[in-house]
Protein backbone atom coordinates (compact mmCIF):
# COMPACT_ATOMS: atom_id res chain seq x y z
CA UNK A 1 0.00 0.00 0.00
CA UNK A 2 1.31 3.44 -0.86
CA UNK A 3 1.98 6.06 1.84
CA UNK A 4 -1.35 7.81 1.42
CA UNK A 5 -3.36 4.61 1.51
CA UNK A 6 -6.74 4.21 3.18
CA UNK A 7 -8.19 0.96 4.52
CA UNK A 8 -11.36 -0.18 6.28
CA UNK A 9 -11.25 -3.20 8.58
CA UNK A 10 -14.12 -4.88 10.37
CA UNK A 11 -14.13 -7.55 13.07
CA UNK A 12 -16.54 -8.98 15.63
CA UNK A 13 -15.86 -7.42 19.01
CA UNK A 14 -14.17 -9.53 21.65
CA UNK A 15 -17.00 -8.72 24.06
CA UNK A 16 -19.62 -10.11 21.65
CA UNK A 17 -18.05 -13.56 21.69
CA UNK A 18 -19.88 -14.57 24.87
CA UNK A 19 -23.06 -14.57 22.71
CA UNK A 20 -21.51 -16.23 19.63
CA UNK A 21 -22.28 -19.76 18.50
CA UNK A 22 -19.66 -22.49 18.80
CA UNK A 23 -19.05 -22.44 15.02
CA UNK A 24 -18.73 -18.66 14.99
CA UNK A 25 -16.15 -18.81 17.77
CA UNK A 26 -14.11 -21.33 15.75
CA UNK A 27 -14.12 -19.08 12.68
CA UNK A 28 -13.48 -15.72 14.37
CA UNK A 29 -10.01 -16.21 15.79
CA UNK A 30 -8.75 -12.60 15.82
CA UNK A 31 -11.44 -10.76 17.75
CA UNK A 32 -10.27 -7.64 19.57
CA UNK A 33 -11.82 -5.01 21.78
CA UNK A 34 -11.98 -1.43 20.46
CA UNK A 35 -8.78 -0.24 22.10
CA UNK A 36 -6.82 -3.29 20.90
CA UNK A 37 -8.06 -2.79 17.33
CA UNK A 38 -7.04 0.87 17.37
CA UNK A 39 -3.60 0.08 18.81
CA UNK A 40 -3.04 -2.64 16.20
CA UNK A 41 -4.07 -0.40 13.29
CA UNK A 42 -1.88 2.47 14.53
CA UNK A 43 1.18 0.28 13.93
CA UNK A 44 0.50 0.54 10.20
CA UNK A 45 -1.44 3.81 9.73
CA UNK A 46 -0.95 7.38 10.93
CA UNK A 47 -4.64 7.86 11.76
CA UNK A 48 -7.19 5.28 12.87
CA UNK A 49 -10.86 5.89 13.67
CA UNK A 50 -12.75 3.03 15.33
CA UNK A 51 -16.54 2.83 15.14
CA UNK A 52 -18.99 0.56 16.92
CA UNK A 53 -21.70 -1.33 15.07
CA UNK A 54 -24.90 -2.94 16.33
CA UNK A 55 -27.34 -4.46 13.85
CA UNK A 56 -27.29 -2.05 10.87
CA UNK A 57 -26.22 1.03 12.86
CA UNK A 58 -22.65 2.38 12.82
CA UNK A 59 -21.89 4.80 15.65
CA UNK A 60 -19.15 6.22 17.86
CA UNK A 61 -20.61 4.66 20.99
CA UNK A 62 -19.15 2.65 23.84
CA UNK A 63 -16.93 -0.13 22.37
CA UNK A 64 -17.82 -2.87 24.90
CA UNK A 65 -21.50 -2.64 23.90
CA UNK A 66 -20.74 -3.17 20.19
CA UNK A 67 -21.22 -6.47 18.40
CA UNK A 68 -18.90 -5.44 15.57
CA UNK A 69 -16.07 -2.93 15.20
CA UNK A 70 -15.03 -0.97 12.11
CA UNK A 71 -11.67 0.76 11.78
CA UNK A 72 -11.15 3.49 9.18
CA UNK A 73 -7.39 3.85 8.72
CA UNK A 74 -5.73 6.70 6.84
CA UNK A 75 -2.14 7.39 5.84
CA UNK A 76 -0.32 4.08 5.58
CA UNK A 77 3.08 4.18 7.27
CA UNK A 78 6.22 3.22 5.39
CA UNK A 79 7.46 -0.05 6.88
PDB file of N, CA and C in Angstrom:
ATOM      1  N   UNK A   1       0.846  -1.167   0.000  1.00  0.00           N
ATOM      2  CA  UNK A   1       0.000   0.000   0.000  1.00  0.00           C
ATOM      3  C   UNK A   1       0.895   1.234   0.000  1.00  0.00           C
ATOM      4  N   UNK A   2       0.531   2.211  -0.784  1.00  0.00           N
ATOM      5  CA  UNK A   2       1.313   3.440  -0.855  1.00  0.00           C
ATOM      6  C   UNK A   2       1.098   4.288   0.392  1.00  0.00           C
ATOM      7  N   UNK A   3       1.997   5.248   0.626  1.00  0.00           N
ATOM      8  CA  UNK A   3       1.985   6.055   1.840  1.00  0.00           C
ATOM      9  C   UNK A   3       0.678   6.755   2.163  1.00  0.00           C
ATOM     10  N   UNK A   4      -0.087   7.121   1.167  1.00  0.00           N
ATOM     11  CA  UNK A   4      -1.345   7.808   1.423  1.00  0.00           C
ATOM     12  C   UNK A   4      -2.538   6.881   1.474  1.00  0.00           C
ATOM     13  N   UNK A   5      -2.293   5.603   1.584  1.00  0.00           N
ATOM     14  CA  UNK A   5      -3.359   4.613   1.506  1.00  0.00           C
ATOM     15  C   UNK A   5      -4.412   4.719   2.601  1.00  0.00           C
ATOM     16  N   UNK A   6      -5.600   4.249   2.263  1.00  0.00           N
ATOM     17  CA  UNK A   6      -6.737   4.208   3.182  1.00  0.00           C
ATOM     18  C   UNK A   6      -7.247   2.773   3.223  1.00  0.00           C
ATOM     19  N   UNK A   7      -7.653   2.313   4.399  1.00  0.00           N
ATOM     20  CA  UNK A   7      -8.192   0.957   4.524  1.00  0.00           C
ATOM     21  C   UNK A   7      -9.329   0.949   5.538  1.00  0.00           C
ATOM     22  N   UNK A   8     -10.262   0.036   5.335  1.00  0.00           N
ATOM     23  CA  UNK A   8     -11.355  -0.177   6.284  1.00  0.00           C
ATOM     24  C   UNK A   8     -11.308  -1.637   6.713  1.00  0.00           C
ATOM     25  N   UNK A   9     -11.275  -1.858   8.019  1.00  0.00           N
ATOM     26  CA  UNK A   9     -11.251  -3.203   8.580  1.00  0.00           C
ATOM     27  C   UNK A   9     -12.475  -3.387   9.469  1.00  0.00           C
ATOM     28  N   UNK A  10     -13.002  -4.577   9.490  1.00  0.00           N
ATOM     29  CA  UNK A  10     -14.117  -4.885  10.372  1.00  0.00           C
ATOM     30  C   UNK A  10     -13.926  -6.234  11.035  1.00  0.00           C
ATOM     31  N   UNK A  11     -14.241  -6.300  12.327  1.00  0.00           N
ATOM     32  CA  UNK A  11     -14.127  -7.555  13.075  1.00  0.00           C
ATOM     33  C   UNK A  11     -15.234  -7.631  14.122  1.00  0.00           C
ATOM     34  N   UNK A  12     -15.636  -8.855  14.490  1.00  0.00           N
ATOM     35  CA  UNK A  12     -16.542  -8.984  15.632  1.00  0.00           C
ATOM     36  C   UNK A  12     -15.808  -8.521  16.890  1.00  0.00           C
ATOM     37  N   UNK A  13     -16.510  -7.879  17.775  1.00  0.00           N
ATOM     38  CA  UNK A  13     -15.857  -7.423  19.007  1.00  0.00           C
ATOM     39  C   UNK A  13     -15.573  -8.605  19.922  1.00  0.00           C
ATOM     40  N   UNK A  14     -14.533  -8.489  20.695  1.00  0.00           N
ATOM     41  CA  UNK A  14     -14.175  -9.531  21.652  1.00  0.00           C
ATOM     42  C   UNK A  14     -15.301  -9.731  22.661  1.00  0.00           C
ATOM     43  N   UNK A  15     -15.917  -8.640  23.073  1.00  0.00           N
ATOM     44  CA  UNK A  15     -16.997  -8.717  24.060  1.00  0.00           C
ATOM     45  C   UNK A  15     -18.222  -9.466  23.533  1.00  0.00           C
ATOM     46  N   UNK A  16     -18.440  -9.446  22.224  1.00  0.00           N
ATOM     47  CA  UNK A  16     -19.618 -10.110  21.652  1.00  0.00           C
ATOM     48  C   UNK A  16     -19.475 -11.624  21.615  1.00  0.00           C
ATOM     49  N   UNK A  17     -18.283 -12.125  21.824  1.00  0.00           N
ATOM     50  CA  UNK A  17     -18.052 -13.560  21.686  1.00  0.00           C
ATOM     51  C   UNK A  17     -18.740 -14.401  22.754  1.00  0.00           C
ATOM     52  N   UNK A  18     -19.135 -13.805  23.858  1.00  0.00           N
ATOM     53  CA  UNK A  18     -19.879 -14.571  24.869  1.00  0.00           C
ATOM     54  C   UNK A  18     -21.257 -14.973  24.337  1.00  0.00           C
ATOM     55  N   UNK A  19     -21.755 -14.277  23.306  1.00  0.00           N
ATOM     56  CA  UNK A  19     -23.060 -14.571  22.714  1.00  0.00           C
ATOM     57  C   UNK A  19     -22.943 -15.341  21.397  1.00  0.00           C
ATOM     58  N   UNK A  20     -21.730 -15.586  20.933  1.00  0.00           N
ATOM     59  CA  UNK A  20     -21.513 -16.227  19.634  1.00  0.00           C
ATOM     60  C   UNK A  20     -21.721 -17.738  19.712  1.00  0.00           C
ATOM     61  N   UNK A  21     -22.111 -18.304  18.580  1.00  0.00           N
ATOM     62  CA  UNK A  21     -22.276 -19.757  18.502  1.00  0.00           C
ATOM     63  C   UNK A  21     -20.905 -20.439  18.521  1.00  0.00           C
ATOM     64  N   UNK A  22     -20.911 -21.716  18.764  1.00  0.00           N
ATOM     65  CA  UNK A  22     -19.664 -22.489  18.799  1.00  0.00           C
ATOM     66  C   UNK A  22     -18.926 -22.378  17.461  1.00  0.00           C
ATOM     67  N   UNK A  23     -19.661 -22.518  16.351  1.00  0.00           N
ATOM     68  CA  UNK A  23     -19.052 -22.441  15.023  1.00  0.00           C
ATOM     69  C   UNK A  23     -18.481 -21.044  14.764  1.00  0.00           C
ATOM     70  N   UNK A  24     -19.211 -20.031  15.161  1.00  0.00           N
ATOM     71  CA  UNK A  24     -18.732 -18.660  14.986  1.00  0.00           C
ATOM     72  C   UNK A  24     -17.438 -18.431  15.760  1.00  0.00           C
ATOM     73  N   UNK A  25     -17.366 -18.963  16.967  1.00  0.00           N
ATOM     74  CA  UNK A  25     -16.151 -18.812  17.774  1.00  0.00           C
ATOM     75  C   UNK A  25     -14.961 -19.499  17.121  1.00  0.00           C
ATOM     76  N   UNK A  26     -15.195 -20.626  16.441  1.00  0.00           N
ATOM     77  CA  UNK A  26     -14.112 -21.328  15.750  1.00  0.00           C
ATOM     78  C   UNK A  26     -13.598 -20.528  14.557  1.00  0.00           C
ATOM     79  N   UNK A  27     -14.488 -19.818  13.892  1.00  0.00           N
ATOM     80  CA  UNK A  27     -14.117 -19.081  12.682  1.00  0.00           C
ATOM     81  C   UNK A  27     -13.552 -17.692  12.965  1.00  0.00           C
ATOM     82  N   UNK A  28     -13.960 -17.063  14.043  1.00  0.00           N
ATOM     83  CA  UNK A  28     -13.484 -15.715  14.372  1.00  0.00           C
ATOM     84  C   UNK A  28     -12.364 -15.820  15.400  1.00  0.00           C
ATOM     85  N   UNK A  29     -11.144 -15.938  14.904  1.00  0.00           N
ATOM     86  CA  UNK A  29     -10.011 -16.207  15.794  1.00  0.00           C
ATOM     87  C   UNK A  29      -9.230 -14.952  16.178  1.00  0.00           C
ATOM     88  N   UNK A  30      -9.514 -13.829  15.549  1.00  0.00           N
ATOM     89  CA  UNK A  30      -8.749 -12.602  15.820  1.00  0.00           C
ATOM     90  C   UNK A  30      -9.621 -11.479  16.357  1.00  0.00           C
ATOM     91  N   UNK A  31     -10.582 -11.796  17.182  1.00  0.00           N
ATOM     92  CA  UNK A  31     -11.443 -10.760  17.753  1.00  0.00           C
ATOM     93  C   UNK A  31     -10.643  -9.884  18.713  1.00  0.00           C
ATOM     94  N   UNK A  32     -10.947  -8.604  18.700  1.00  0.00           N
ATOM     95  CA  UNK A  32     -10.267  -7.645  19.575  1.00  0.00           C
ATOM     96  C   UNK A  32     -11.316  -6.722  20.189  1.00  0.00           C
ATOM     97  N   UNK A  33     -10.941  -6.068  21.277  1.00  0.00           N
ATOM     98  CA  UNK A  33     -11.816  -5.011  21.777  1.00  0.00           C
ATOM     99  C   UNK A  33     -11.447  -3.726  21.025  1.00  0.00           C
ATOM    100  N   UNK A  34     -12.203  -2.661  21.215  1.00  0.00           N
ATOM    101  CA  UNK A  34     -11.984  -1.431  20.457  1.00  0.00           C
ATOM    102  C   UNK A  34     -10.602  -0.832  20.625  1.00  0.00           C
ATOM    103  N   UNK A  35     -10.105  -0.818  21.848  1.00  0.00           N
ATOM    104  CA  UNK A  35      -8.780  -0.241  22.096  1.00  0.00           C
ATOM    105  C   UNK A  35      -7.672  -1.082  21.473  1.00  0.00           C
ATOM    106  N   UNK A  36      -7.818  -2.405  21.522  1.00  0.00           N
ATOM    107  CA  UNK A  36      -6.816  -3.288  20.905  1.00  0.00           C
ATOM    108  C   UNK A  36      -6.799  -3.119  19.392  1.00  0.00           C
ATOM    109  N   UNK A  37      -7.982  -2.991  18.784  1.00  0.00           N
ATOM    110  CA  UNK A  37      -8.056  -2.792  17.335  1.00  0.00           C
ATOM    111  C   UNK A  37      -7.382  -1.486  16.944  1.00  0.00           C
ATOM    112  N   UNK A  38      -7.654  -0.425  17.682  1.00  0.00           N
ATOM    113  CA  UNK A  38      -7.043   0.871  17.373  1.00  0.00           C
ATOM    114  C   UNK A  38      -5.522   0.804  17.514  1.00  0.00           C
ATOM    115  N   UNK A  39      -5.048   0.204  18.584  1.00  0.00           N
ATOM    116  CA  UNK A  39      -3.605   0.084  18.812  1.00  0.00           C
ATOM    117  C   UNK A  39      -2.941  -0.725  17.695  1.00  0.00           C
ATOM    118  N   UNK A  40      -3.578  -1.820  17.278  1.00  0.00           N
ATOM    119  CA  UNK A  40      -3.036  -2.640  16.197  1.00  0.00           C
ATOM    120  C   UNK A  40      -2.955  -1.845  14.894  1.00  0.00           C
ATOM    121  N   UNK A  41      -4.028  -1.153  14.544  1.00  0.00           N
ATOM    122  CA  UNK A  41      -4.065  -0.397  13.291  1.00  0.00           C
ATOM    123  C   UNK A  41      -3.068   0.758  13.289  1.00  0.00           C
ATOM    124  N   UNK A  42      -2.818   1.350  14.450  1.00  0.00           N
ATOM    125  CA  UNK A  42      -1.881   2.471  14.526  1.00  0.00           C
ATOM    126  C   UNK A  42      -0.437   2.042  14.286  1.00  0.00           C
ATOM    127  N   UNK A  43      -0.161   0.762  14.302  1.00  0.00           N
ATOM    128  CA  UNK A  43       1.177   0.283  13.929  1.00  0.00           C
ATOM    129  C   UNK A  43       1.435   0.524  12.445  1.00  0.00           C
ATOM    130  N   UNK A  44       0.367   0.509  11.646  1.00  0.00           N
ATOM    131  CA  UNK A  44       0.496   0.536  10.197  1.00  0.00           C
ATOM    132  C   UNK A  44      -0.062   1.790   9.534  1.00  0.00           C
ATOM    133  N   UNK A  45      -0.819   2.600  10.287  1.00  0.00           N
ATOM    134  CA  UNK A  45      -1.439   3.806   9.735  1.00  0.00           C
ATOM    135  C   UNK A  45      -1.238   4.978  10.685  1.00  0.00           C
ATOM    136  N   UNK A  46      -1.125   6.176  10.120  1.00  0.00           N
ATOM    137  CA  UNK A  46      -0.945   7.382  10.931  1.00  0.00           C
ATOM    138  C   UNK A  46      -2.211   7.751  11.700  1.00  0.00           C
ATOM    139  N   UNK A  47      -3.368   7.502  11.118  1.00  0.00           N
ATOM    140  CA  UNK A  47      -4.638   7.855  11.757  1.00  0.00           C
ATOM    141  C   UNK A  47      -5.590   6.667  11.688  1.00  0.00           C
ATOM    142  N   UNK A  48      -6.250   6.395  12.810  1.00  0.00           N
ATOM    143  CA  UNK A  48      -7.192   5.283  12.873  1.00  0.00           C
ATOM    144  C   UNK A  48      -8.432   5.720  13.651  1.00  0.00           C
ATOM    145  N   UNK A  49      -9.585   5.537  13.043  1.00  0.00           N
ATOM    146  CA  UNK A  49     -10.862   5.888  13.668  1.00  0.00           C
ATOM    147  C   UNK A  49     -11.671   4.606  13.831  1.00  0.00           C
ATOM    148  N   UNK A  50     -12.010   4.261  15.062  1.00  0.00           N
ATOM    149  CA  UNK A  50     -12.752   3.029  15.328  1.00  0.00           C
ATOM    150  C   UNK A  50     -14.207   3.378  15.620  1.00  0.00           C
ATOM    151  N   UNK A  51     -15.105   2.647  14.971  1.00  0.00           N
ATOM    152  CA  UNK A  51     -16.541   2.831  15.139  1.00  0.00           C
ATOM    153  C   UNK A  51     -17.164   1.543  15.655  1.00  0.00           C
ATOM    154  N   UNK A  52     -18.218   1.696  16.420  1.00  0.00           N
ATOM    155  CA  UNK A  52     -18.988   0.556  16.921  1.00  0.00           C
ATOM    156  C   UNK A  52     -20.129   0.281  15.957  1.00  0.00           C
ATOM    157  N   UNK A  53     -20.569  -0.979  15.920  1.00  0.00           N
ATOM    158  CA  UNK A  53     -21.699  -1.333  15.067  1.00  0.00           C
ATOM    159  C   UNK A  53     -22.598  -2.328  15.788  1.00  0.00           C
ATOM    160  N   UNK A  54     -23.877  -2.030  15.804  1.00  0.00           N
ATOM    161  CA  UNK A  54     -24.900  -2.936  16.325  1.00  0.00           C
ATOM    162  C   UNK A  54     -25.989  -3.032  15.269  1.00  0.00           C
ATOM    163  N   UNK A  55     -26.363  -4.245  14.918  1.00  0.00           N
ATOM    164  CA  UNK A  55     -27.344  -4.463  13.854  1.00  0.00           C
ATOM    165  C   UNK A  55     -26.882  -3.711  12.608  1.00  0.00           C
ATOM    166  N   UNK A  56     -27.678  -2.789  12.084  1.00  0.00           N
ATOM    167  CA  UNK A  56     -27.286  -2.049  10.875  1.00  0.00           C
ATOM    168  C   UNK A  56     -26.792  -0.649  11.187  1.00  0.00           C
ATOM    169  N   UNK A  57     -26.555  -0.334  12.452  1.00  0.00           N
ATOM    170  CA  UNK A  57     -26.216   1.027  12.859  1.00  0.00           C
ATOM    171  C   UNK A  57     -24.729   1.141  13.201  1.00  0.00           C
ATOM    172  N   UNK A  58     -24.051   2.070  12.524  1.00  0.00           N
ATOM    173  CA  UNK A  58     -22.650   2.376  12.824  1.00  0.00           C
ATOM    174  C   UNK A  58     -22.641   3.651  13.654  1.00  0.00           C
ATOM    175  N   UNK A  59     -21.892   3.646  14.759  1.00  0.00           N
ATOM    176  CA  UNK A  59     -21.895   4.805  15.650  1.00  0.00           C
ATOM    177  C   UNK A  59     -20.555   4.919  16.375  1.00  0.00           C
ATOM    178  N   UNK A  60     -20.392   5.982  17.118  1.00  0.00           N
ATOM    179  CA  UNK A  60     -19.154   6.222  17.864  1.00  0.00           C
ATOM    180  C   UNK A  60     -19.315   5.844  19.326  1.00  0.00           C
ATOM    181  N   UNK A  61     -20.277   5.009  19.608  1.00  0.00           N
ATOM    182  CA  UNK A  61     -20.609   4.656  20.985  1.00  0.00           C
ATOM    183  C   UNK A  61     -19.585   3.804  21.705  1.00  0.00           C
ATOM    184  N   UNK A  62     -19.955   3.402  22.884  1.00  0.00           N
ATOM    185  CA  UNK A  62     -19.149   2.648  23.835  1.00  0.00           C
ATOM    186  C   UNK A  62     -18.736   1.301  23.237  1.00  0.00           C
ATOM    187  N   UNK A  63     -17.424   1.088  23.025  1.00  0.00           N
ATOM    188  CA  UNK A  63     -16.927  -0.128  22.371  1.00  0.00           C
ATOM    189  C   UNK A  63     -17.430  -1.432  23.001  1.00  0.00           C
ATOM    190  N   UNK A  64     -17.411  -1.578  24.324  1.00  0.00           N
ATOM    191  CA  UNK A  64     -17.820  -2.866  24.900  1.00  0.00           C
ATOM    192  C   UNK A  64     -19.275  -3.259  24.626  1.00  0.00           C
ATOM    193  N   UNK A  65     -20.105  -2.319  24.210  1.00  0.00           N
ATOM    194  CA  UNK A  65     -21.502  -2.638  23.898  1.00  0.00           C
ATOM    195  C   UNK A  65     -21.690  -3.014  22.426  1.00  0.00           C
ATOM    196  N   UNK A  66     -20.639  -2.909  21.626  1.00  0.00           N
ATOM    197  CA  UNK A  66     -20.739  -3.172  20.187  1.00  0.00           C
ATOM    198  C   UNK A  66     -20.631  -4.666  19.893  1.00  0.00           C
ATOM    199  N   UNK A  67     -21.362  -5.094  18.879  1.00  0.00           N
ATOM    200  CA  UNK A  67     -21.217  -6.467  18.402  1.00  0.00           C
ATOM    201  C   UNK A  67     -20.127  -6.554  17.350  1.00  0.00           C
ATOM    202  N   UNK A  68     -19.862  -5.457  16.673  1.00  0.00           N
ATOM    203  CA  UNK A  68     -18.902  -5.436  15.572  1.00  0.00           C
ATOM    204  C   UNK A  68     -18.144  -4.117  15.636  1.00  0.00           C
ATOM    205  N   UNK A  69     -16.899  -4.135  15.207  1.00  0.00           N
ATOM    206  CA  UNK A  69     -16.067  -2.929  15.201  1.00  0.00           C
ATOM    207  C   UNK A  69     -15.563  -2.658  13.791  1.00  0.00           C
ATOM    208  N   UNK A  70     -15.571  -1.400  13.394  1.00  0.00           N
ATOM    209  CA  UNK A  70     -15.029  -0.975  12.111  1.00  0.00           C
ATOM    210  C   UNK A  70     -13.900   0.008  12.369  1.00  0.00           C
ATOM    211  N   UNK A  71     -12.798  -0.167  11.665  1.00  0.00           N
ATOM    212  CA  UNK A  71     -11.673   0.761  11.776  1.00  0.00           C
ATOM    213  C   UNK A  71     -11.432   1.401  10.415  1.00  0.00           C
ATOM    214  N   UNK A  72     -11.477   2.722  10.372  1.00  0.00           N
ATOM    215  CA  UNK A  72     -11.148   3.491   9.180  1.00  0.00           C
ATOM    216  C   UNK A  72      -9.729   3.996   9.384  1.00  0.00           C
ATOM    217  N   UNK A  73      -8.815   3.537   8.547  1.00  0.00           N
ATOM    218  CA  UNK A  73      -7.390   3.846   8.722  1.00  0.00           C
ATOM    219  C   UNK A  73      -6.902   4.679   7.545  1.00  0.00           C
ATOM    220  N   UNK A  74      -6.167   5.744   7.852  1.00  0.00           N
ATOM    221  CA  UNK A  74      -5.734   6.704   6.845  1.00  0.00           C
ATOM    222  C   UNK A  74      -4.237   6.947   6.972  1.00  0.00           C
ATOM    223  N   UNK A  75      -3.556   7.052   5.844  1.00  0.00           N
ATOM    224  CA  UNK A  75      -2.136   7.386   5.837  1.00  0.00           C
ATOM    225  C   UNK A  75      -1.250   6.213   6.205  1.00  0.00           C
ATOM    226  N   UNK A  76      -1.144   5.258   5.308  1.00  0.00           N
ATOM    227  CA  UNK A  76      -0.316   4.082   5.576  1.00  0.00           C
ATOM    228  C   UNK A  76       1.121   4.495   5.868  1.00  0.00           C
ATOM    229  N   UNK A  77       1.694   3.901   6.894  1.00  0.00           N
ATOM    230  CA  UNK A  77       3.080   4.176   7.267  1.00  0.00           C
ATOM    231  C   UNK A  77       4.020   3.386   6.365  1.00  0.00           C
ATOM    232  N   UNK A  78       5.183   3.938   6.134  1.00  0.00           N
ATOM    233  CA  UNK A  78       6.221   3.225   5.393  1.00  0.00           C
ATOM    234  C   UNK A  78       6.874   2.238   6.341  1.00  0.00           C
ATOM    235  N   UNK A  79       6.863   0.973   6.006  1.00  0.00           N
ATOM    236  CA  UNK A  79       7.456  -0.047   6.882  1.00  0.00           C
ATOM    237  C   UNK A  79       8.792  -0.509   6.367  1.00  0.00           C
TER     238      UNK A  79
END
